[in-house]
């Protein structure tokens, strides 16, 4: 799988394929393996005031590829995005 495929992947599909789950009050980071390495698909539903992800929603952010499955927790990723100028990182297709 490629980064483009991961950018469109709904939560329900990604959750079924996840090798690791990073979860906190901000959302979930689902770690999957792709063609070029590991990717984290961040579903930041807590920022939208939701208590759980919507199964049909695509990720808000995709990180990777990386050679090791080590990624930031959703809370850390959301703040990193804001600090680096990504103020509108919530996926507008939701």
N, C-alpha and C. Protein backbone atom coordinates (compact mmCIF):
# COMPACT_ATOMS: atom_id res chain seq x y z
N UNK A 1 0.83 -1.19 0.00
CA UNK A 1 0.00 0.00 0.00
C UNK A 1 0.88 1.25 0.00
N UNK A 2 0.34 2.30 -0.55
CA UNK A 2 1.07 3.56 -0.66
C UNK A 2 0.44 4.62 0.24
N UNK A 3 1.14 5.74 0.39
CA UNK A 3 0.65 6.84 1.21
C UNK A 3 -0.70 7.34 0.70
N UNK A 4 -0.88 7.36 -0.61
CA UNK A 4 -2.15 7.84 -1.17
C UNK A 4 -3.32 6.93 -0.77
N UNK A 5 -3.09 5.65 -0.74
CA UNK A 5 -4.13 4.70 -0.31
C UNK A 5 -4.46 4.95 1.16
N UNK A 6 -3.43 5.17 1.98
CA UNK A 6 -3.67 5.40 3.40
C UNK A 6 -4.42 6.70 3.66
N UNK A 7 -4.19 7.72 2.84
CA UNK A 7 -4.88 9.01 3.03
C UNK A 7 -6.39 8.91 2.84
N UNK A 8 -6.83 7.92 2.11
CA UNK A 8 -8.27 7.75 1.85
C UNK A 8 -8.90 6.62 2.67
N UNK A 9 -8.11 5.92 3.46
CA UNK A 9 -8.59 4.72 4.15
C UNK A 9 -9.52 5.06 5.32
N UNK A 10 -10.74 4.55 5.30
CA UNK A 10 -11.67 4.79 6.41
C UNK A 10 -11.18 4.10 7.69
N UNK A 11 -11.58 4.66 8.80
CA UNK A 11 -11.14 4.15 10.10
C UNK A 11 -11.41 2.66 10.27
N UNK A 12 -12.58 2.19 9.91
CA UNK A 12 -12.94 0.79 10.11
C UNK A 12 -11.98 -0.14 9.37
N UNK A 13 -11.60 0.22 8.16
CA UNK A 13 -10.68 -0.60 7.38
C UNK A 13 -9.27 -0.57 7.98
N UNK A 14 -8.82 0.63 8.37
CA UNK A 14 -7.49 0.78 8.95
C UNK A 14 -7.38 0.06 10.29
N UNK A 15 -8.43 0.14 11.10
CA UNK A 15 -8.42 -0.51 12.41
C UNK A 15 -8.25 -2.02 12.27
N UNK A 16 -8.89 -2.60 11.27
CA UNK A 16 -8.80 -4.04 11.05
C UNK A 16 -7.39 -4.47 10.63
N UNK A 17 -6.62 -3.56 10.02
CA UNK A 17 -5.29 -3.88 9.52
C UNK A 17 -4.17 -3.37 10.41
N UNK A 18 -4.50 -2.64 11.48
CA UNK A 18 -3.50 -1.99 12.32
C UNK A 18 -2.61 -3.01 13.03
N UNK A 19 -1.32 -2.70 13.03
CA UNK A 19 -0.36 -3.51 13.76
C UNK A 19 -0.12 -2.96 15.15
N UNK A 20 -0.47 -1.69 15.34
CA UNK A 20 -0.31 -1.02 16.63
C UNK A 20 -1.34 0.10 16.70
N UNK A 21 -1.86 0.35 17.90
CA UNK A 21 -2.85 1.41 18.09
C UNK A 21 -2.35 2.38 19.15
N UNK A 22 -2.29 3.65 18.81
CA UNK A 22 -1.94 4.73 19.74
C UNK A 22 -3.24 5.46 20.03
N UNK A 23 -3.64 5.50 21.28
CA UNK A 23 -4.95 6.10 21.57
C UNK A 23 -4.85 6.99 22.81
N UNK A 24 -5.52 8.14 22.75
CA UNK A 24 -5.66 9.03 23.89
C UNK A 24 -6.92 9.87 23.67
N UNK A 25 -7.13 10.89 24.46
CA UNK A 25 -8.35 11.69 24.37
C UNK A 25 -8.47 12.49 23.08
N UNK A 26 -7.39 12.63 22.34
CA UNK A 26 -7.42 13.39 21.09
C UNK A 26 -7.83 12.54 19.90
N UNK A 27 -7.59 11.25 19.99
CA UNK A 27 -7.92 10.40 18.86
C UNK A 27 -7.15 9.09 18.88
N UNK A 28 -6.97 8.55 17.69
CA UNK A 28 -6.25 7.30 17.52
C UNK A 28 -5.21 7.45 16.42
N UNK A 29 -4.08 6.81 16.64
CA UNK A 29 -3.07 6.67 15.62
C UNK A 29 -2.95 5.19 15.31
N UNK A 30 -3.32 4.80 14.13
CA UNK A 30 -3.26 3.39 13.74
C UNK A 30 -2.03 3.18 12.88
N UNK A 31 -1.17 2.27 13.31
CA UNK A 31 0.09 2.02 12.62
C UNK A 31 -0.09 0.82 11.69
N UNK A 32 0.18 1.06 10.41
CA UNK A 32 0.07 0.01 9.39
C UNK A 32 1.37 -0.07 8.61
N UNK A 33 1.59 -1.22 8.01
CA UNK A 33 2.78 -1.38 7.18
C UNK A 33 2.39 -1.24 5.72
N UNK A 34 3.18 -0.43 5.00
CA UNK A 34 2.94 -0.21 3.58
C UNK A 34 4.14 -0.63 2.76
N UNK A 35 4.13 -0.28 1.49
CA UNK A 35 5.21 -0.65 0.57
C UNK A 35 6.56 -0.08 0.98
N UNK A 36 6.57 1.16 1.50
CA UNK A 36 7.82 1.84 1.81
C UNK A 36 8.19 1.82 3.29
N UNK A 37 7.39 1.19 4.12
CA UNK A 37 7.67 1.16 5.56
C UNK A 37 6.38 1.27 6.36
N UNK A 38 6.51 1.81 7.56
CA UNK A 38 5.36 1.95 8.46
C UNK A 38 4.75 3.34 8.35
N UNK A 39 3.44 3.40 8.46
CA UNK A 39 2.68 4.64 8.41
C UNK A 39 1.78 4.71 9.64
N UNK A 40 1.56 5.92 10.13
CA UNK A 40 0.57 6.14 11.20
C UNK A 40 -0.56 6.95 10.62
N UNK A 41 -1.76 6.45 10.74
CA UNK A 41 -2.96 7.14 10.27
C UNK A 41 -3.63 7.73 11.50
N UNK A 42 -3.68 9.04 11.57
CA UNK A 42 -4.24 9.73 12.74
C UNK A 42 -5.68 10.13 12.48
N UNK A 43 -6.54 9.65 13.34
CA UNK A 43 -7.96 9.99 13.33
C UNK A 43 -8.20 10.82 14.58
N UNK A 44 -8.26 12.14 14.44
CA UNK A 44 -8.28 13.06 15.57
C UNK A 44 -9.72 13.47 15.91
N UNK A 45 -10.53 12.50 16.23
CA UNK A 45 -11.95 12.72 16.49
C UNK A 45 -12.22 13.53 17.74
N UNK A 46 -11.35 13.47 18.74
CA UNK A 46 -11.54 14.22 19.98
C UNK A 46 -11.52 15.72 19.76
N UNK A 47 -10.78 16.17 18.76
CA UNK A 47 -10.75 17.60 18.45
C UNK A 47 -12.07 18.08 17.87
N UNK A 48 -12.86 17.15 17.36
CA UNK A 48 -14.18 17.48 16.80
C UNK A 48 -15.28 17.35 17.84
N UNK A 49 -14.90 17.01 19.07
CA UNK A 49 -15.88 16.84 20.14
C UNK A 49 -16.54 15.47 20.15
N UNK A 50 -15.99 14.53 19.40
CA UNK A 50 -16.54 13.17 19.36
C UNK A 50 -15.85 12.29 20.41
N UNK A 51 -16.52 11.25 20.84
CA UNK A 51 -15.96 10.34 21.83
C UNK A 51 -15.33 9.11 21.21
N UNK A 52 -15.61 8.88 19.95
CA UNK A 52 -15.04 7.73 19.25
C UNK A 52 -14.97 8.06 17.77
N UNK A 53 -14.12 7.34 17.05
CA UNK A 53 -13.99 7.62 15.62
C UNK A 53 -15.23 7.19 14.84
N UNK A 54 -15.47 7.86 13.74
CA UNK A 54 -16.55 7.48 12.84
C UNK A 54 -15.96 6.47 11.86
N UNK A 55 -16.51 5.25 11.78
CA UNK A 55 -15.92 4.19 10.97
C UNK A 55 -15.66 4.55 9.51
N UNK A 56 -16.47 5.42 8.93
CA UNK A 56 -16.33 5.76 7.51
C UNK A 56 -15.38 6.94 7.23
N UNK A 57 -14.89 7.61 8.27
CA UNK A 57 -14.05 8.79 8.07
C UNK A 57 -12.61 8.43 7.71
N UNK A 58 -12.03 9.19 6.77
CA UNK A 58 -10.62 9.01 6.44
C UNK A 58 -9.75 9.66 7.52
N UNK A 59 -8.46 9.40 7.54
CA UNK A 59 -7.59 9.99 8.56
C UNK A 59 -7.43 11.50 8.38
N UNK A 60 -7.17 12.17 9.49
CA UNK A 60 -6.89 13.60 9.44
C UNK A 60 -5.45 13.86 9.03
N UNK A 61 -4.57 12.93 9.34
CA UNK A 61 -3.16 13.09 9.02
C UNK A 61 -2.52 11.73 8.85
N UNK A 62 -1.61 11.62 7.90
CA UNK A 62 -0.85 10.39 7.70
C UNK A 62 0.62 10.72 7.86
N UNK A 63 1.30 10.01 8.76
CA UNK A 63 2.73 10.19 8.98
C UNK A 63 3.47 8.97 8.46
N UNK A 64 4.62 9.20 7.86
CA UNK A 64 5.42 8.09 7.37
C UNK A 64 5.74 8.29 5.91
N UNK A 65 6.48 7.40 5.34
CA UNK A 65 6.90 6.11 5.88
C UNK A 65 8.13 6.23 6.79
N UNK A 66 8.21 5.28 7.70
CA UNK A 66 9.35 5.15 8.61
C UNK A 66 9.77 3.70 8.63
N UNK A 67 11.04 3.46 8.90
CA UNK A 67 11.55 2.09 8.91
C UNK A 67 11.13 1.33 10.16
N UNK A 68 10.83 2.03 11.24
CA UNK A 68 10.38 1.42 12.49
C UNK A 68 8.98 1.95 12.83
N UNK A 69 8.16 1.13 13.48
CA UNK A 69 6.79 1.57 13.81
C UNK A 69 6.70 2.43 15.07
N UNK A 70 7.51 3.49 15.12
CA UNK A 70 7.55 4.38 16.29
C UNK A 70 6.99 5.75 15.87
N UNK A 71 5.85 6.11 16.44
CA UNK A 71 5.17 7.36 16.09
C UNK A 71 4.69 8.06 17.35
N UNK A 72 4.38 9.36 17.23
CA UNK A 72 3.86 10.13 18.36
C UNK A 72 2.43 9.73 18.69
N UNK A 73 2.07 9.92 19.95
CA UNK A 73 0.68 9.75 20.36
C UNK A 73 -0.16 10.83 19.68
N UNK A 74 -1.48 10.61 19.51
CA UNK A 74 -2.33 11.62 18.84
C UNK A 74 -2.23 13.02 19.44
N UNK A 75 -2.21 13.13 20.76
CA UNK A 75 -2.09 14.44 21.42
C UNK A 75 -0.80 15.13 21.00
N UNK A 76 0.30 14.40 21.02
CA UNK A 76 1.59 14.96 20.63
C UNK A 76 1.60 15.36 19.16
N UNK A 77 1.01 14.54 18.32
CA UNK A 77 0.97 14.83 16.89
C UNK A 77 0.14 16.07 16.61
N UNK A 78 -1.01 16.22 17.25
CA UNK A 78 -1.85 17.39 17.04
C UNK A 78 -1.10 18.67 17.40
N UNK A 79 -0.37 18.65 18.51
CA UNK A 79 0.39 19.84 18.92
C UNK A 79 1.59 20.08 18.01
N UNK A 80 2.23 19.03 17.56
CA UNK A 80 3.34 19.18 16.62
C UNK A 80 2.85 19.82 15.33
N UNK A 81 1.70 19.37 14.84
CA UNK A 81 1.13 19.94 13.62
C UNK A 81 0.85 21.44 13.79
N UNK A 82 0.25 21.81 14.91
CA UNK A 82 -0.05 23.22 15.16
C UNK A 82 1.22 24.05 15.27
N UNK A 83 2.23 23.53 15.96
CA UNK A 83 3.49 24.26 16.13
C UNK A 83 4.23 24.43 14.81
N UNK A 84 3.96 23.56 13.85
CA UNK A 84 4.65 23.62 12.56
C UNK A 84 3.80 24.20 11.45
N UNK A 85 2.75 24.94 11.83
CA UNK A 85 1.98 25.70 10.86
C UNK A 85 0.82 24.97 10.21
N UNK A 86 0.54 23.76 10.65
CA UNK A 86 -0.60 23.02 10.09
C UNK A 86 -1.83 23.28 10.95
N UNK A 87 -2.41 24.45 10.80
CA UNK A 87 -3.54 24.82 11.63
C UNK A 87 -4.86 24.21 11.20
N UNK A 88 -4.95 23.81 9.93
CA UNK A 88 -6.19 23.24 9.42
C UNK A 88 -5.93 21.80 8.96
N UNK A 89 -5.42 20.97 9.86
CA UNK A 89 -5.08 19.61 9.48
C UNK A 89 -6.25 18.65 9.58
N UNK A 90 -7.36 19.08 10.14
CA UNK A 90 -8.52 18.18 10.20
C UNK A 90 -9.01 17.94 8.78
N UNK A 91 -9.17 16.70 8.42
CA UNK A 91 -9.56 16.32 7.07
C UNK A 91 -10.93 16.92 6.72
N UNK A 92 -10.96 17.81 5.76
CA UNK A 92 -12.19 18.51 5.41
C UNK A 92 -13.21 17.63 4.69
N UNK A 93 -12.81 16.44 4.28
CA UNK A 93 -13.76 15.56 3.60
C UNK A 93 -14.74 14.93 4.58
N UNK A 94 -14.54 15.16 5.88
CA UNK A 94 -15.46 14.61 6.88
C UNK A 94 -16.68 15.47 6.86
